[in-house]
Protein backbone atom coordinates (compact mmCIF):
# COMPACT_ATOMS: atom_id res chain seq x y z
CA MET A 1 -37.01 -29.05 -9.75
CA GLU A 2 -34.66 -31.75 -8.46
CA LYS A 3 -33.29 -31.18 -4.97
CA LEU A 4 -29.49 -31.26 -4.72
CA THR A 5 -27.40 -32.43 -1.79
CA GLU A 6 -24.67 -30.30 -0.24
CA ASN A 7 -21.95 -32.35 -1.97
CA GLN A 8 -23.55 -31.70 -5.37
CA VAL A 9 -23.17 -27.92 -5.08
CA ASN A 10 -20.02 -26.11 -6.26
CA THR A 11 -19.59 -22.47 -5.22
CA SER A 12 -16.05 -21.91 -6.54
CA VAL A 13 -15.30 -19.47 -9.38
CA ASP A 14 -12.24 -18.37 -11.34
CA LEU A 15 -11.55 -14.65 -10.98
CA CYS A 16 -8.98 -13.45 -13.51
CA GLY A 17 -7.08 -16.73 -13.33
CA ILE A 18 -7.25 -17.18 -9.55
CA ARG A 19 -9.66 -19.73 -8.09
CA ILE A 20 -11.72 -18.64 -5.09
CA ASP A 21 -13.86 -20.97 -2.96
CA ASN A 22 -16.96 -18.81 -3.36
CA PRO A 23 -17.83 -15.53 -5.09
CA VAL A 24 -18.48 -13.47 -1.91
CA ILE A 25 -15.99 -10.60 -1.44
CA PRO A 26 -16.39 -7.86 1.20
CA ALA A 27 -15.82 -4.53 -0.51
CA SER A 28 -13.05 -2.04 0.12
CA GLY A 29 -13.79 0.43 2.87
CA THR A 30 -16.19 -1.91 4.65
CA PHE A 31 -13.79 -4.59 5.91
CA GLY A 32 -10.69 -2.70 7.03
CA TYR A 33 -7.53 -4.71 6.41
CA GLY A 34 -9.34 -7.93 7.27
CA TYR A 35 -7.82 -8.91 10.58
CA GLU A 36 -10.30 -6.67 12.42
CA PHE A 37 -13.11 -9.01 11.34
CA ALA A 38 -11.08 -12.09 12.26
CA LYS A 39 -12.03 -11.29 15.86
CA PHE A 40 -15.60 -12.28 14.97
CA TYR A 41 -15.12 -15.33 12.74
CA ASP A 42 -12.70 -17.23 10.50
CA ILE A 43 -12.44 -14.90 7.51
CA ASN A 44 -10.96 -17.74 5.44
CA GLU A 45 -14.56 -18.81 4.79
CA LEU A 46 -14.84 -15.82 2.44
CA GLY A 47 -13.85 -16.04 -1.21
CA THR A 48 -11.47 -13.15 -0.56
CA PHE A 49 -11.90 -9.48 0.35
CA SER A 50 -10.82 -6.10 -0.97
CA PHE A 51 -8.84 -4.22 1.64
CA LYS A 52 -9.23 -0.57 2.58
CA GLY A 53 -8.45 1.89 -0.19
CA THR A 54 -4.73 2.60 0.03
CA THR A 55 -2.87 5.66 -1.24
CA LEU A 56 0.82 6.45 -1.60
CA GLU A 57 0.87 8.79 1.41
CA PRO A 58 -1.13 8.58 4.66
CA ARG A 59 -4.49 10.37 4.61
CA PHE A 60 -6.49 11.63 7.58
CA GLY A 61 -9.63 11.86 5.47
CA ASN A 62 -12.46 14.36 5.40
CA PRO A 63 -13.78 16.35 8.39
CA THR A 64 -16.47 14.80 10.59
CA PRO A 65 -19.32 14.03 10.63
CA ARG A 66 -18.71 11.96 7.52
CA ILE A 67 -21.14 9.03 7.77
CA ALA A 68 -24.92 9.27 8.02
CA GLU A 69 -27.76 6.78 7.82
CA CYS A 70 -30.60 7.35 5.38
CA THR A 71 -33.56 5.38 4.05
CA ALA A 72 -32.41 1.94 2.86
CA GLY A 73 -28.75 2.94 2.91
CA MET A 74 -26.09 5.32 4.08
CA ILE A 75 -24.06 8.32 2.90
CA ASN A 76 -20.34 8.51 3.57
CA SER A 77 -17.55 10.92 2.77
CA VAL A 78 -14.64 9.34 4.61
CA GLY A 79 -12.09 10.72 2.16
CA LEU A 80 -9.86 7.65 1.75
CA GLN A 81 -8.54 7.71 5.31
CA ASN A 82 -5.66 5.21 5.39
CA PRO A 83 -2.14 4.90 6.83
CA GLY A 84 -0.40 4.99 3.44
CA VAL A 85 1.17 2.21 1.40
CA HIS A 86 4.36 1.85 3.47
CA ALA A 87 2.38 1.29 6.69
CA VAL A 88 0.18 -1.23 4.86
CA ILE A 89 3.26 -3.18 3.77
CA ASN A 90 5.04 -2.97 7.13
CA THR A 91 2.12 -3.28 9.56
CA GLU A 92 -1.27 -4.17 8.07
CA LEU A 93 -0.31 -7.04 5.76
CA PRO A 94 1.85 -8.83 8.36
CA GLU A 95 -1.13 -8.74 10.73
CA LEU A 96 -3.40 -10.06 7.99
CA ARG A 97 -1.07 -12.97 7.21
CA LYS A 98 -1.56 -14.27 10.74
CA VAL A 99 -5.29 -14.84 10.18
CA PHE A 100 -5.94 -15.00 6.41
CA HIS A 101 -4.33 -17.64 4.22
CA LYS A 102 -5.69 -16.77 0.78
CA PRO A 103 -4.87 -14.15 -1.86
CA VAL A 104 -6.28 -10.73 -0.98
CA MET A 105 -7.47 -7.96 -3.30
CA ALA A 106 -5.52 -4.71 -2.95
CA ASN A 107 -7.67 -1.63 -3.52
CA ILE A 108 -5.51 1.34 -4.51
CA SER A 109 -6.29 5.00 -5.09
CA GLY A 110 -4.39 8.07 -6.20
CA PHE A 111 -4.65 11.67 -7.31
CA SER A 112 -2.32 11.39 -10.30
CA VAL A 113 -1.36 8.60 -12.69
CA GLU A 114 2.08 8.53 -11.09
CA GLU A 115 0.62 7.97 -7.61
CA TYR A 116 -1.44 4.99 -8.76
CA ALA A 117 1.56 3.42 -10.47
CA LYS A 118 3.93 3.96 -7.55
CA THR A 119 1.46 2.53 -5.03
CA ALA A 120 0.91 -0.55 -7.20
CA GLU A 121 4.65 -0.97 -7.75
CA LEU A 122 5.34 -0.93 -4.01
CA LEU A 123 2.57 -3.45 -3.29
CA ASN A 124 3.47 -5.71 -6.20
CA GLY A 125 6.14 -7.50 -4.22
CA GLU A 126 3.68 -8.61 -1.53
CA GLU A 127 3.05 -12.31 -2.15
CA GLN A 128 -0.41 -12.37 -0.56
CA ILE A 129 -1.81 -9.78 -2.94
CA GLY A 130 -3.64 -11.63 -5.69
CA TRP A 131 -5.37 -8.80 -7.54
CA PHE A 132 -5.23 -5.02 -7.78
CA GLU A 133 -8.59 -3.25 -7.68
CA VAL A 134 -7.94 0.25 -9.01
CA ASN A 135 -10.38 2.83 -7.70
CA ILE A 136 -10.59 5.41 -10.50
CA SER A 137 -13.26 7.48 -8.78
CA CYS A 138 -10.62 9.83 -7.32
CA PRO A 139 -10.26 13.44 -8.51
CA ASN A 140 -7.41 13.97 -10.97
CA VAL A 141 -5.40 16.82 -9.43
CA HIS A 142 -3.56 17.36 -12.72
CA GLY A 143 -6.79 17.38 -14.69
CA GLY A 144 -8.78 20.08 -12.97
CA GLY A 145 -10.21 17.81 -10.27
CA MET A 146 -12.41 15.73 -12.56
CA SER A 147 -12.63 12.08 -11.53
CA PHE A 148 -10.42 9.71 -13.53
CA GLY A 149 -13.42 7.41 -13.84
CA THR A 150 -15.60 9.90 -15.70
CA ASP A 151 -13.27 10.20 -18.70
CA PRO A 152 -12.35 7.19 -20.87
CA LYS A 153 -8.85 8.45 -21.69
CA ALA A 154 -8.05 9.30 -18.07
CA ALA A 155 -9.35 5.93 -16.88
CA ALA A 156 -7.32 4.11 -19.52
CA SER A 157 -4.16 6.01 -18.60
CA VAL A 158 -4.40 4.84 -14.99
CA ILE A 159 -4.97 1.20 -15.93
CA ASP A 160 -2.13 1.28 -18.44
CA ALA A 161 0.26 2.73 -15.84
CA VAL A 162 -0.65 0.10 -13.23
CA LYS A 163 -0.37 -2.75 -15.74
CA ARG A 164 3.18 -1.63 -16.54
CA VAL A 165 4.35 -2.24 -12.95
CA THR A 166 2.64 -5.55 -12.15
CA THR A 167 1.91 -8.93 -13.67
CA LYS A 168 -0.95 -9.49 -11.23
CA PRO A 169 -4.56 -9.16 -12.45
CA VAL A 170 -5.81 -5.57 -12.49
CA LEU A 171 -9.49 -4.71 -12.07
CA ALA A 172 -10.81 -1.23 -12.76
CA LYS A 173 -13.35 -0.12 -10.16
CA LEU A 174 -15.82 2.15 -11.92
CA SER A 175 -18.00 5.02 -10.75
CA PRO A 176 -21.73 4.94 -11.57
CA ASN A 177 -21.78 8.74 -11.79
CA VAL A 178 -21.41 8.79 -15.58
CA THR A 179 -23.75 8.88 -18.56
CA ASP A 180 -22.62 5.54 -20.04
CA VAL A 181 -20.50 3.27 -17.86
CA THR A 182 -19.83 0.87 -20.76
CA VAL A 183 -17.70 3.50 -22.54
CA ILE A 184 -15.39 3.68 -19.51
CA ALA A 185 -15.38 -0.11 -19.13
CA ARG A 186 -14.36 -0.66 -22.76
CA ALA A 187 -11.59 1.94 -22.47
CA CYS A 188 -10.20 0.14 -19.42
CA GLU A 189 -10.38 -3.21 -21.21
CA ALA A 190 -8.51 -1.77 -24.18
CA ALA A 191 -5.84 -0.44 -21.79
CA GLY A 192 -5.24 -3.96 -20.48
CA ALA A 193 -7.61 -4.34 -17.53
CA ASP A 194 -8.11 -7.98 -16.57
CA GLY A 195 -11.51 -7.28 -15.02
CA ILE A 196 -14.05 -4.60 -14.14
CA SER A 197 -15.61 -4.03 -10.73
CA LEU A 198 -18.69 -1.85 -10.27
CA ILE A 199 -20.47 0.05 -8.99
CA ASN A 200 -18.78 2.42 -6.62
CA THR A 201 -21.16 4.62 -4.63
CA LEU A 202 -23.70 6.98 -6.14
CA LEU A 203 -23.40 10.66 -5.26
CA GLY A 204 -25.98 11.78 -2.70
CA MET A 205 -26.68 14.12 0.19
CA ARG A 206 -29.03 14.75 3.09
CA PHE A 207 -29.95 18.07 4.72
CA ASP A 208 -30.76 18.56 8.41
CA ILE A 209 -33.89 20.73 8.44
CA ARG A 210 -33.52 21.52 12.15
CA ARG A 211 -29.87 22.56 12.12
CA ARG A 212 -30.26 24.14 8.68
CA LYS A 213 -27.09 22.49 7.35
CA PRO A 214 -26.00 19.36 5.48
CA VAL A 215 -25.92 16.17 7.55
CA ILE A 216 -22.26 15.46 6.71
CA ALA A 217 -19.47 18.02 6.82
CA ASN A 218 -18.49 17.53 3.17
CA THR A 219 -22.10 18.29 2.06
CA MET A 220 -22.26 15.39 -0.43
CA GLY A 221 -21.01 11.82 -0.20
CA GLY A 222 -21.27 8.31 -1.53
CA PHE A 223 -24.73 6.76 -1.29
CA SER A 224 -24.73 2.99 -0.77
CA GLY A 225 -26.93 0.25 0.64
CA PRO A 226 -29.94 -1.81 -0.50
CA ALA A 227 -31.59 1.18 -2.23
CA ILE A 228 -28.95 1.20 -4.99
CA PHE A 229 -29.12 -2.52 -5.83
CA PRO A 230 -31.37 -2.13 -8.94
CA VAL A 231 -29.04 0.55 -10.33
CA ALA A 232 -26.00 -1.63 -9.68
CA LEU A 233 -27.66 -4.65 -11.26
CA ARG A 234 -28.49 -2.67 -14.39
CA MET A 235 -24.90 -1.44 -14.75
CA VAL A 236 -23.43 -4.91 -14.16
CA TYR A 237 -25.75 -6.28 -16.85
CA GLN A 238 -24.76 -3.54 -19.32
CA THR A 239 -21.05 -3.86 -18.61
CA ALA A 240 -21.00 -7.65 -18.84
CA ASN A 241 -22.56 -7.27 -22.29
CA ALA A 242 -19.98 -4.68 -23.32
CA VAL A 243 -16.66 -6.30 -22.34
CA ASN A 244 -14.96 -9.68 -22.67
CA ILE A 245 -13.30 -9.70 -19.25
CA PRO A 246 -14.77 -10.73 -15.87
CA VAL A 247 -17.07 -8.35 -14.02
CA VAL A 248 -17.23 -8.11 -10.23
CA GLY A 249 -20.60 -6.72 -9.21
CA MET A 250 -21.42 -4.70 -6.11
CA GLY A 251 -23.91 -2.17 -4.83
CA GLY A 252 -26.59 -2.88 -2.25
CA VAL A 253 -25.90 -6.63 -2.05
CA SER A 254 -27.24 -7.97 1.24
CA SER A 255 -28.28 -11.61 0.71
CA ALA A 256 -27.40 -14.84 -1.08
CA GLU A 257 -30.34 -14.16 -3.42
CA ASP A 258 -28.74 -10.82 -4.38
CA VAL A 259 -25.46 -12.60 -5.14
CA ILE A 260 -27.21 -15.09 -7.42
CA GLU A 261 -29.22 -12.36 -9.14
CA MET A 262 -26.10 -10.29 -9.81
CA MET A 263 -24.23 -13.32 -11.16
CA MET A 264 -27.12 -14.18 -13.45
CA CYS A 265 -26.80 -10.63 -14.81
CA GLY A 266 -23.13 -11.15 -15.63
CA ALA A 267 -20.99 -10.92 -12.49
CA THR A 268 -18.28 -13.54 -11.95
CA ALA A 269 -17.98 -12.55 -8.28
CA VAL A 270 -19.91 -10.19 -6.01
CA GLU A 271 -18.77 -7.69 -3.40
CA THR A 272 -20.72 -6.88 -0.24
CA GLY A 273 -20.43 -3.35 1.10
CA ALA A 274 -22.64 -1.35 3.45
CA VAL A 275 -24.17 -4.53 4.88
CA ASN A 276 -20.82 -5.25 6.62
CA LEU A 277 -21.13 -1.99 8.56
CA VAL A 278 -24.59 -2.96 9.76
CA ASP A 279 -23.74 -6.54 10.71
CA PRO A 280 -20.12 -7.77 10.96
CA TYR A 281 -21.34 -11.34 10.29
CA ALA A 282 -23.23 -10.38 7.12
CA SER A 283 -20.72 -11.66 4.57
CA LEU A 284 -20.20 -14.91 6.47
CA ASN A 285 -23.96 -15.45 6.59
CA ILE A 286 -24.20 -14.88 2.83
CA VAL A 287 -21.39 -17.39 2.21
CA ARG A 288 -23.23 -19.99 4.27
CA GLU A 289 -26.65 -19.21 2.77
CA LEU A 290 -25.37 -19.43 -0.80
CA PRO A 291 -25.22 -23.25 -1.16
CA VAL A 292 -28.60 -23.54 0.57
CA LYS A 293 -30.17 -21.16 -1.94
CA MET A 294 -28.38 -22.91 -4.81
CA ARG A 295 -29.86 -26.24 -3.79
CA GLU A 296 -33.33 -24.68 -3.60
CA LEU A 297 -32.92 -23.33 -7.13
CA GLY A 298 -31.38 -26.49 -8.57
CA ILE A 299 -28.02 -24.84 -9.28
CA SER A 300 -25.26 -27.46 -9.09
CA ASP A 301 -22.37 -25.21 -10.15
CA ILE A 302 -22.53 -21.47 -9.61
CA LYS A 303 -20.31 -20.84 -12.65
CA ASN A 304 -23.14 -22.08 -14.84
CA ILE A 305 -25.39 -19.13 -13.96
CA ILE A 306 -22.91 -16.38 -14.78
CA GLY A 307 -24.49 -14.09 -17.37
CA ILE A 308 -27.53 -16.22 -18.18
CA ALA A 309 -29.59 -13.02 -18.41
CA ASN A 310 -27.39 -12.02 -21.36
CA LYS A 311 -27.95 -15.22 -23.33
């Protein structure tokens, strides 16, 4: 295999019409609103990032304890704690603009179709927002509490409502806690989604045998970390085969090798999650390791490996 020089390696990709310098994107809920990590390094080295899940109204979140370590991962039930969309517009985004000079991905959540649409509409006027990542793993309060992301029609209704209030690219962030994720993905595509991101966390729990009670106050929570990478990879592969729009893969990614593997299975870009909570420099290290690993593997342009497992 011919060795490549640094100048012969291209890490840039096109994500729903917006070029990013590299495909590494810290995931929502693991990177705050970005400026917190700017204390450690220049976050402009990242492709972009998805900011903390934002809802129409402020949310305190679930009772504590709500995060617990477990073998090869973690369980969390934070409950979408965030200051609400108005505080994000008035406080968080102005702080971000001081340190980040690229388009950012806005992760939004809601408990009704109307909440999703209103939150997106309010954020749509913010110039720095490049994409909307719509978390449809929230319970539908008007639908008996079932998650929007477990029903194709409910998922499609959210995407359709958000698309009506913005011209910016909209990605549907899907839950893995379904029988067939491709059915949900295709419904979102048909409703106008410009991309799909997956997977959100798996549902898990731990039990404290000494205290005789669940480890976290909410009993169950989202399981993430390296242990879920094979599940995430399988779902990215299936989804990339099922839709004709870009897929952003995530779930247990912790190295440049994981990024390349996920892209080979169909991802256009890759989000890093739990690893950011273990090491604040993790995403930066992956960005810097990526061209090194590409040269080792003889990959001159990372776009050329997207979906090669599907061909």
